[in-house]
Amino acid sequence: MKKTVILLSIMISFCYCSAQSIDTAALGILQKSYDRLVRINPINYRMTKLDTMIRDGWPRVVRSEVNGTISKNGDWLIYFEDLSVWLVRNDTLYKKKSPQATTTYTDKWNSHDLAAFSPYNILGKERPLLNKDDDSIRFVSGSEKEKFYIIDIIRKKIDYGTPDLISKQYYNRYWIDKKNLLPVRRLMHSKKLESGKEAVDIYDFSLSIPTSDTEASAASAFLSGPVEKELDKNKYETLKIGSLAPKFSAVNVRNGRSVSHEVLKGKVVLLDFWYLSCMPCKMLIPKIQRLRDKFKSEDVAIVGINVRDTSAKEIRKFLKERKILFSQYYMAESMMADYKLYAFPTTMIVGRDGQVKLVEIGEGEDTEQKLEQAIRKELKLKPGF
């Protein structure tokens, strides 16, 4: 029986790889390269990133270069071209704008700001594995093939969850040094339609790992001077967790009636702040709709609040086309200031006691999961994952 199961698994895997045009040798090289990189400890590296956006046929290119060190104890020290320095230690981000400047720190920072400068980002945060969205993994020829393994991963069109953003093409190309199996370059290319117009994004990462060591005392020297909390000087401060959600008044988009915070009293509330020309907002709204469907039998109020658009007709048209059914308000008067909104989408969970339980800025892979977990926690339901 055991042999039969193993044989069946091998046959299924073979059919799966054949259908996807997977070269397992190419995947194996990527895995060996990943294993080789993560074994280097500490790792000193230099990374160059070219970020190219093409809109309406016009390219915009942003180049950045960093020197970094990731130590055995987990310290991550990054030197930027403008002489600023960042240090990540124990989930706290320390920053210095220049060698003479005072060091500031914060424990409220977005990992996305740093992910692009991590050497591990070349091959991904986790060991490369066969993904159901991979159409093909294969070696490609090129003038550099004597020095490098050149490997393409072509993926299926990505579902962004909104008709305003349609994927047309997505692939990654990797260069792996044949001598030491270290990754040296990654080219990410995506083509999509944004509101009917072609948009191309190209990210080109180059990585080198010099043989010279960075001084072990560098991180300690970085913190040898005065240190100030960044939040004290940060004008972009969100509502604090545990604070009372401010009162508000707004207008119901669908019926034109005035509403206030009183209609949400005593409920677990999800507030989604958005506007029509915000693409991440459009990508998040279908996920919010899924949460509305999931919790429709619970004492949960899910509310969208449009903070910029003034035409109820245009908002209603957008909602109808996308079959968005949860409550929608607009003309929200002072909510931008009172709720300390500065980036969109912003989503919040407010408990039955009227206190803010979660503030999420932006739309990410785990945004929906974080919101659902926070709702379940307030309802005292078991996690749904």
Protein backbone atom coordinates (compact mmCIF):
# COMPACT_ATOMS: atom_id res chain seq x y z
CA MET A 1 0.00 0.00 0.00
CA LYS A 2 2.82 2.38 0.95
CA LYS A 3 4.65 1.69 -2.33
CA THR A 4 1.44 2.32 -4.26
CA VAL A 5 0.96 5.70 -2.57
CA ILE A 6 4.57 6.70 -3.27
CA LEU A 7 4.29 5.62 -6.90
CA LEU A 8 1.02 7.54 -7.29
CA SER A 9 2.60 10.64 -5.76
CA ILE A 10 5.52 10.42 -8.19
CA MET A 11 3.14 10.05 -11.14
CA ILE A 12 1.04 13.04 -10.03
CA SER A 13 4.15 15.14 -9.50
CA PHE A 14 5.46 14.15 -12.95
CA CYS A 15 2.17 15.08 -14.64
CA TYR A 16 2.04 18.35 -12.68
CA CYS A 17 5.55 19.33 -13.75
CA SER A 18 4.95 18.26 -17.35
CA ALA A 19 1.78 20.34 -17.59
CA GLN A 20 3.65 23.33 -16.19
CA SER A 21 6.86 22.76 -18.23
CA ILE A 22 9.01 22.56 -15.12
CA ASP A 23 12.73 21.80 -15.37
CA THR A 24 13.45 20.33 -11.94
CA ALA A 25 17.20 20.80 -12.46
CA ALA A 26 16.66 24.55 -12.81
CA LEU A 27 14.52 24.60 -9.67
CA GLY A 28 17.23 22.60 -7.89
CA ILE A 29 19.87 25.23 -8.76
CA LEU A 30 17.69 27.98 -7.28
CA GLN A 31 17.21 25.92 -4.10
CA LYS A 32 20.95 25.22 -3.76
CA SER A 33 21.68 28.92 -4.27
CA TYR A 34 19.16 29.85 -1.57
CA ASP A 35 20.73 27.31 0.83
CA ARG A 36 24.18 28.65 0.06
CA LEU A 37 23.14 32.25 0.75
CA VAL A 38 21.39 31.59 4.07
CA ARG A 39 24.42 29.68 5.38
CA ILE A 40 26.64 32.77 5.11
CA ASN A 41 26.72 34.31 8.57
CA PRO A 42 27.45 37.15 8.96
CA ILE A 43 26.79 38.37 5.41
CA ASN A 44 28.34 41.55 4.04
CA TYR A 45 26.89 42.64 0.71
CA ARG A 46 26.40 45.38 -1.83
CA MET A 47 23.10 45.71 -3.67
CA THR A 48 22.00 47.91 -6.55
CA LYS A 49 18.34 48.27 -7.46
CA LEU A 50 16.89 49.78 -10.63
CA ASP A 51 13.17 50.48 -10.39
CA THR A 52 11.62 51.21 -13.78
CA MET A 53 8.00 52.23 -14.29
CA ILE A 54 6.63 52.74 -17.80
CA ARG A 55 3.34 54.64 -18.05
CA ASP A 56 1.92 56.10 -21.27
CA GLY A 57 5.09 54.99 -23.04
CA TRP A 58 7.34 57.08 -20.79
CA PRO A 59 9.86 55.37 -18.47
CA ARG A 60 10.75 56.59 -15.00
CA VAL A 61 13.88 55.02 -13.52
CA VAL A 62 14.95 55.21 -9.88
CA ARG A 63 18.37 53.83 -8.94
CA SER A 64 19.44 53.04 -5.40
CA GLU A 65 22.49 51.35 -3.92
CA VAL A 66 23.21 50.09 -0.42
CA ASN A 67 25.97 48.38 1.51
CA GLY A 68 24.67 46.11 4.23
CA THR A 69 25.66 43.69 6.97
CA ILE A 70 23.46 41.06 8.57
CA SER A 71 25.13 39.71 11.71
CA LYS A 72 24.77 36.45 13.62
CA ASN A 73 22.77 38.16 16.36
CA GLY A 74 20.19 39.39 13.85
CA ASP A 75 21.39 43.01 13.57
CA TRP A 76 20.89 44.40 10.07
CA LEU A 77 22.94 47.49 9.28
CA ILE A 78 22.30 49.32 5.98
CA TYR A 79 24.34 52.19 4.51
CA PHE A 80 22.61 54.26 1.80
CA GLU A 81 24.14 56.41 -0.95
CA ASP A 82 23.00 59.65 0.72
CA LEU A 83 25.12 58.73 3.81
CA SER A 84 22.06 57.83 5.86
CA VAL A 85 22.22 54.63 7.91
CA TRP A 86 19.53 52.26 9.16
CA LEU A 87 19.86 49.58 11.81
CA VAL A 88 17.27 46.91 12.58
CA ARG A 89 17.64 45.35 16.03
CA ASN A 90 15.06 43.43 18.03
CA ASP A 91 12.16 44.65 15.83
CA THR A 92 13.21 48.29 16.32
CA LEU A 93 14.35 50.46 13.43
CA TYR A 94 17.09 53.02 14.16
CA LYS A 95 17.83 55.75 11.60
CA LYS A 96 20.55 58.34 11.15
CA LYS A 97 20.20 60.84 8.29
CA SER A 98 23.90 61.76 8.23
CA PRO A 99 27.06 60.92 10.22
CA GLN A 100 26.54 64.04 12.37
CA ALA A 101 22.78 63.63 12.89
CA THR A 102 21.06 62.30 15.99
CA THR A 103 19.87 58.70 15.82
CA THR A 104 16.10 58.22 15.93
CA TYR A 105 14.20 54.99 16.54
CA THR A 106 10.72 53.55 16.09
CA ASP A 107 9.05 50.18 16.59
CA LYS A 108 6.27 51.15 14.15
CA TRP A 109 7.76 50.60 10.72
CA ASN A 110 6.79 48.87 7.51
CA SER A 111 8.95 45.89 6.56
CA HIS A 112 8.14 46.66 2.91
CA ASP A 113 10.37 49.75 3.16
CA LEU A 114 13.38 47.51 3.78
CA ALA A 115 12.53 44.28 1.92
CA ALA A 116 13.93 45.56 -1.38
CA PHE A 117 17.36 46.03 0.21
CA SER A 118 17.66 42.53 1.68
CA PRO A 119 20.07 40.11 -0.06
CA TYR A 120 17.53 37.36 0.62
CA ASN A 121 15.06 39.19 -1.61
CA ILE A 122 17.06 38.08 -4.65
CA LEU A 123 15.66 34.53 -4.38
CA GLY A 124 12.65 35.32 -2.19
CA LYS A 125 11.98 35.26 1.53
CA GLU A 126 11.54 31.47 1.53
CA ARG A 127 13.28 28.56 -0.20
CA PRO A 128 12.11 28.38 -3.83
CA LEU A 129 9.47 25.68 -4.30
CA LEU A 130 7.16 24.62 -7.09
CA ASN A 131 4.22 27.02 -7.11
CA LYS A 132 0.82 26.27 -8.62
CA ASP A 133 1.01 29.63 -10.43
CA ASP A 134 4.30 28.75 -12.16
CA ASP A 135 3.75 28.08 -15.88
CA SER A 136 7.38 27.22 -16.49
CA ILE A 137 10.81 27.04 -14.85
CA ARG A 138 13.66 26.65 -17.30
CA PHE A 139 17.28 27.39 -18.12
CA VAL A 140 17.78 30.06 -20.79
CA SER A 141 20.77 30.63 -23.04
CA GLY A 142 22.73 33.85 -23.19
CA SER A 143 26.16 35.37 -23.65
CA GLU A 144 26.78 34.94 -19.89
CA LYS A 145 25.96 31.23 -19.75
CA GLU A 146 29.62 30.25 -19.26
CA LYS A 147 29.70 32.10 -15.92
CA PHE A 148 26.09 31.92 -14.75
CA TYR A 149 23.08 29.66 -14.62
CA ILE A 150 20.34 31.82 -16.13
CA ILE A 151 16.86 30.68 -15.10
CA ASP A 152 13.40 31.98 -15.96
CA ILE A 153 10.24 31.49 -13.90
CA ILE A 154 7.17 32.45 -15.90
CA ARG A 155 3.97 32.71 -13.89
CA LYS A 156 0.30 32.70 -14.74
CA LYS A 157 -1.52 35.97 -14.99
CA ILE A 158 -2.08 37.37 -11.51
CA ASP A 159 -5.61 38.02 -10.26
CA TYR A 160 -5.55 41.47 -8.65
CA GLY A 161 -9.22 41.23 -7.66
CA THR A 162 -10.35 44.28 -9.61
CA PRO A 163 -11.15 44.83 -13.33
CA ASP A 164 -9.21 48.09 -13.12
CA LEU A 165 -5.97 46.09 -12.91
CA ILE A 166 -5.53 43.17 -15.33
CA SER A 167 -2.32 41.13 -15.47
CA LYS A 168 -0.85 40.48 -18.93
CA GLN A 169 2.59 39.08 -18.16
CA TYR A 170 4.75 38.25 -15.13
CA TYR A 171 8.15 36.59 -14.89
CA ASN A 172 11.44 36.53 -13.00
CA ARG A 173 14.92 35.88 -14.41
CA TYR A 174 17.77 34.81 -12.11
CA TRP A 175 21.54 34.77 -12.58
CA ILE A 176 23.38 32.24 -10.37
CA ASP A 177 27.19 32.19 -10.23
CA LYS A 178 28.38 28.74 -11.37
CA LYS A 179 31.53 28.87 -9.20
CA ASN A 180 30.00 29.54 -5.79
CA LEU A 181 26.25 29.11 -6.51
CA LEU A 182 25.51 32.56 -5.08
CA PRO A 183 22.73 34.66 -6.65
CA VAL A 184 24.07 37.75 -8.42
CA ARG A 185 21.02 39.21 -10.14
CA ARG A 186 17.23 39.07 -10.33
CA LEU A 187 15.09 40.75 -12.99
CA MET A 188 11.36 41.03 -12.24
CA HIS A 189 9.11 42.04 -15.14
CA SER A 190 5.36 42.57 -15.10
CA LYS A 191 2.98 43.99 -17.67
CA LYS A 192 -0.62 44.89 -16.84
CA LEU A 193 -3.52 47.12 -17.78
CA GLU A 194 -4.32 49.91 -15.32
CA SER A 195 -7.76 51.31 -16.14
CA GLY A 196 -7.28 50.19 -19.75
CA LYS A 197 -3.76 51.63 -20.17
CA GLU A 198 -0.64 49.48 -20.41
CA ALA A 199 1.67 49.66 -17.41
CA VAL A 200 5.08 47.99 -17.16
CA ASP A 201 7.11 47.54 -13.96
CA ILE A 202 10.70 46.28 -14.03
CA TYR A 203 12.78 45.67 -10.90
CA ASP A 204 16.44 44.84 -11.46
CA PHE A 205 18.43 43.72 -8.39
CA SER A 206 22.20 43.13 -8.55
CA LEU A 207 24.00 41.56 -5.59
CA SER A 208 27.68 41.20 -4.74
CA ILE A 209 29.22 39.80 -1.60
CA PRO A 210 32.73 41.24 -1.03
CA THR A 211 35.31 39.17 0.82
CA SER A 212 36.26 41.97 3.26
CA ASP A 213 34.52 41.96 6.63
CA THR A 214 32.63 44.86 8.19
CA GLU A 215 33.81 45.82 11.65
CA ALA A 216 31.87 43.97 14.34
CA SER A 217 31.59 47.16 16.40
CA ALA A 218 29.79 49.11 13.65
CA ALA A 219 26.30 48.55 15.07
CA SER A 220 27.41 49.42 18.60
CA ALA A 221 29.12 52.59 17.38
CA PHE A 222 25.92 53.54 15.58
CA LEU A 223 24.06 53.62 18.92
CA SER A 224 26.85 55.22 20.95
CA GLY A 225 25.37 58.75 20.76
CA PRO A 226 21.99 60.21 21.82
CA VAL A 227 18.88 58.39 20.59
CA GLU A 228 15.44 60.00 20.17
CA LYS A 229 12.07 58.36 19.55
CA GLU A 230 11.06 59.04 15.95
CA LEU A 231 7.36 59.16 16.79
CA ASP A 232 7.89 62.39 18.74
CA LYS A 233 8.84 64.15 15.50
CA ASN A 234 6.67 62.18 13.09
CA LYS A 235 3.71 64.20 11.83
CA TYR A 236 2.17 61.06 10.30
CA GLU A 237 0.84 59.49 13.47
CA THR A 238 -2.17 57.16 13.30
CA LEU A 239 -4.83 56.73 15.95
CA LYS A 240 -3.40 54.91 18.93
CA ILE A 241 -4.57 51.40 19.71
CA GLY A 242 -6.90 51.59 22.69
CA SER A 243 -7.99 55.17 22.00
CA LEU A 244 -11.67 55.96 21.49
CA ALA A 245 -12.71 56.23 17.85
CA PRO A 246 -13.73 59.87 17.21
CA LYS A 247 -17.34 60.81 16.58
CA PHE A 248 -18.30 61.49 12.98
CA SER A 249 -21.12 62.42 10.64
CA ALA A 250 -21.37 61.45 6.97
CA VAL A 251 -23.84 60.74 4.17
CA ASN A 252 -25.03 57.32 3.00
CA VAL A 253 -23.97 57.04 -0.66
CA ARG A 254 -26.94 54.89 -1.65
CA ASN A 255 -29.86 56.80 -0.09
CA GLY A 256 -28.44 60.25 0.66
CA ARG A 257 -29.34 60.12 4.35
CA SER A 258 -27.13 61.59 7.05
CA VAL A 259 -25.53 59.09 9.41
CA SER A 260 -23.32 59.33 12.46
CA HIS A 261 -21.17 57.15 14.68
CA GLU A 262 -24.30 56.29 16.69
CA VAL A 263 -25.46 53.78 14.01
CA LEU A 264 -22.36 51.66 14.78
CA LYS A 265 -22.59 51.80 18.55
CA GLY A 266 -22.18 48.46 20.31
CA LYS A 267 -20.94 46.61 17.21
CA VAL A 268 -17.57 45.35 16.10
CA VAL A 269 -16.77 47.75 13.25
CA LEU A 270 -14.49 47.57 10.23
CA LEU A 271 -13.90 51.00 8.67
CA ASP A 272 -12.42 51.10 5.16
CA PHE A 273 -11.23 54.58 4.09
CA TRP A 274 -10.79 54.87 0.30
CA TYR A 275 -11.39 56.91 -2.87
CA LEU A 276 -12.05 56.12 -6.54
CA SER A 277 -8.65 56.92 -8.12
CA CYS A 278 -6.73 54.91 -5.50
CA MET A 279 -5.69 51.61 -7.16
CA PRO A 280 -4.70 49.82 -3.91
CA CYS A 281 -8.13 50.84 -2.55
CA LYS A 282 -9.80 49.14 -5.51
CA MET A 283 -7.74 46.00 -4.93
CA LEU A 284 -8.72 45.86 -1.25
CA ILE A 285 -12.47 46.47 -1.61
CA PRO A 286 -13.32 42.94 -2.93
CA LYS A 287 -11.47 41.48 0.07
CA ILE A 288 -13.53 43.67 2.39
CA GLN A 289 -16.64 42.37 0.60
CA ARG A 290 -15.51 38.79 1.35
CA LEU A 291 -15.24 39.69 5.04
CA ARG A 292 -18.74 41.18 4.91
CA ASP A 293 -20.08 37.92 3.45
CA LYS A 294 -18.18 35.88 6.05
CA PHE A 295 -19.48 37.86 9.04
CA LYS A 296 -22.95 38.82 7.77
CA SER A 297 -24.64 36.71 10.47
CA GLU A 298 -22.49 38.24 13.25
CA ASP A 299 -22.86 41.54 15.07
CA VAL A 300 -20.31 43.20 12.78
CA ALA A 301 -20.66 46.46 10.84
CA ILE A 302 -18.46 46.76 7.76
CA VAL A 303 -18.42 50.29 6.38
CA GLY A 304 -16.61 51.94 3.50
CA ILE A 305 -15.97 55.67 3.79
CA ASN A 306 -14.99 57.56 0.65
CA VAL A 307 -12.85 60.47 1.84
CA ARG A 308 -12.33 62.45 -1.40
CA ASP A 309 -14.95 61.93 -4.10
CA THR A 310 -18.02 64.17 -4.06
CA SER A 311 -20.20 62.51 -6.71
CA ALA A 312 -22.52 59.93 -5.17
CA LYS A 313 -23.52 58.87 -8.69
CA GLU A 314 -19.94 57.95 -9.66
CA ILE A 315 -19.37 56.10 -6.39
CA ARG A 316 -22.64 54.14 -6.80
CA LYS A 317 -21.70 53.22 -10.38
CA PHE A 318 -18.35 51.86 -9.22
CA LEU A 319 -19.95 49.84 -6.40
CA LYS A 320 -22.66 48.43 -8.67
CA GLU A 321 -20.22 47.32 -11.38
CA ARG A 322 -18.16 45.42 -8.82
CA LYS A 323 -21.12 44.09 -6.81
CA ILE A 324 -19.92 45.71 -3.59
CA LEU A 325 -22.78 45.49 -1.11
CA PHE A 326 -21.45 46.66 2.26
CA SER A 327 -22.44 50.09 3.61
CA GLN A 328 -20.80 53.10 1.99
CA TYR A 329 -20.58 56.67 3.29
CA TYR A 330 -19.10 59.85 1.84
CA MET A 331 -19.05 63.61 2.60
CA ALA A 332 -17.43 62.64 5.86
CA GLU A 333 -16.56 66.17 6.98
CA SER A 334 -13.63 66.17 9.44
CA MET A 335 -12.81 62.45 9.41
CA MET A 336 -9.52 62.95 7.54
CA ALA A 337 -8.14 65.00 10.42
CA ASP A 338 -9.98 63.35 13.31
CA TYR A 339 -9.00 59.83 12.24
CA LYS A 340 -5.44 60.91 11.31
CA LEU A 341 -5.65 59.59 7.75
CA TYR A 342 -2.62 60.23 5.55
CA ALA A 343 -2.32 57.17 3.24
CA PHE A 344 -4.89 54.97 1.52
CA PRO A 345 -6.45 52.59 1.85
CA THR A 346 -6.56 52.77 5.64
CA THR A 347 -8.62 50.17 7.48
CA MET A 348 -9.52 50.09 11.16
CA ILE A 349 -11.17 47.68 13.54
CA VAL A 350 -13.17 49.30 16.35
CA GLY A 351 -14.41 47.15 19.24
CA ARG A 352 -17.82 47.10 20.90
CA ASP A 353 -16.38 49.44 23.53
CA GLY A 354 -15.64 52.06 20.86
CA GLN A 355 -11.88 51.63 21.14
CA VAL A 356 -9.53 51.28 18.18
CA LYS A 357 -8.17 47.73 18.03
CA LEU A 358 -6.26 47.71 14.74
CA VAL A 359 -5.03 50.23 12.16
CA GLU A 360 -3.84 48.91 8.78
CA ILE A 361 -2.36 51.17 6.09
CA GLY A 362 -2.19 49.97 2.50
CA GLU A 363 -3.18 46.76 0.76
CA GLY A 364 -0.98 43.70 1.20
CA GLU A 365 -1.10 39.93 0.95
CA ASP A 366 -1.95 39.57 4.64
CA THR A 367 -4.27 42.59 5.08
CA GLU A 368 -7.46 40.53 4.80
CA GLN A 369 -6.13 37.94 7.24
CA LYS A 370 -5.15 40.60 9.81
CA LEU A 371 -8.59 42.20 9.62
CA GLU A 372 -10.38 38.87 9.99
CA GLN A 373 -8.23 37.87 12.96
CA ALA A 374 -8.94 41.19 14.70
CA ILE A 375 -12.70 40.80 14.11
CA ARG A 376 -12.69 37.24 15.42
CA LYS A 377 -10.75 38.32 18.47
CA GLU A 378 -13.38 40.97 19.29
CA LEU A 379 -16.20 38.47 18.70
CA LYS A 380 -14.28 35.90 20.73
CA LEU A 381 -14.50 33.42 17.85
CA LYS A 382 -11.91 30.77 17.05
CA PRO A 383 -9.33 31.76 14.43
CA GLY A 384 -10.53 30.96 10.93
CA PHE A 385 -7.16 29.84 9.54
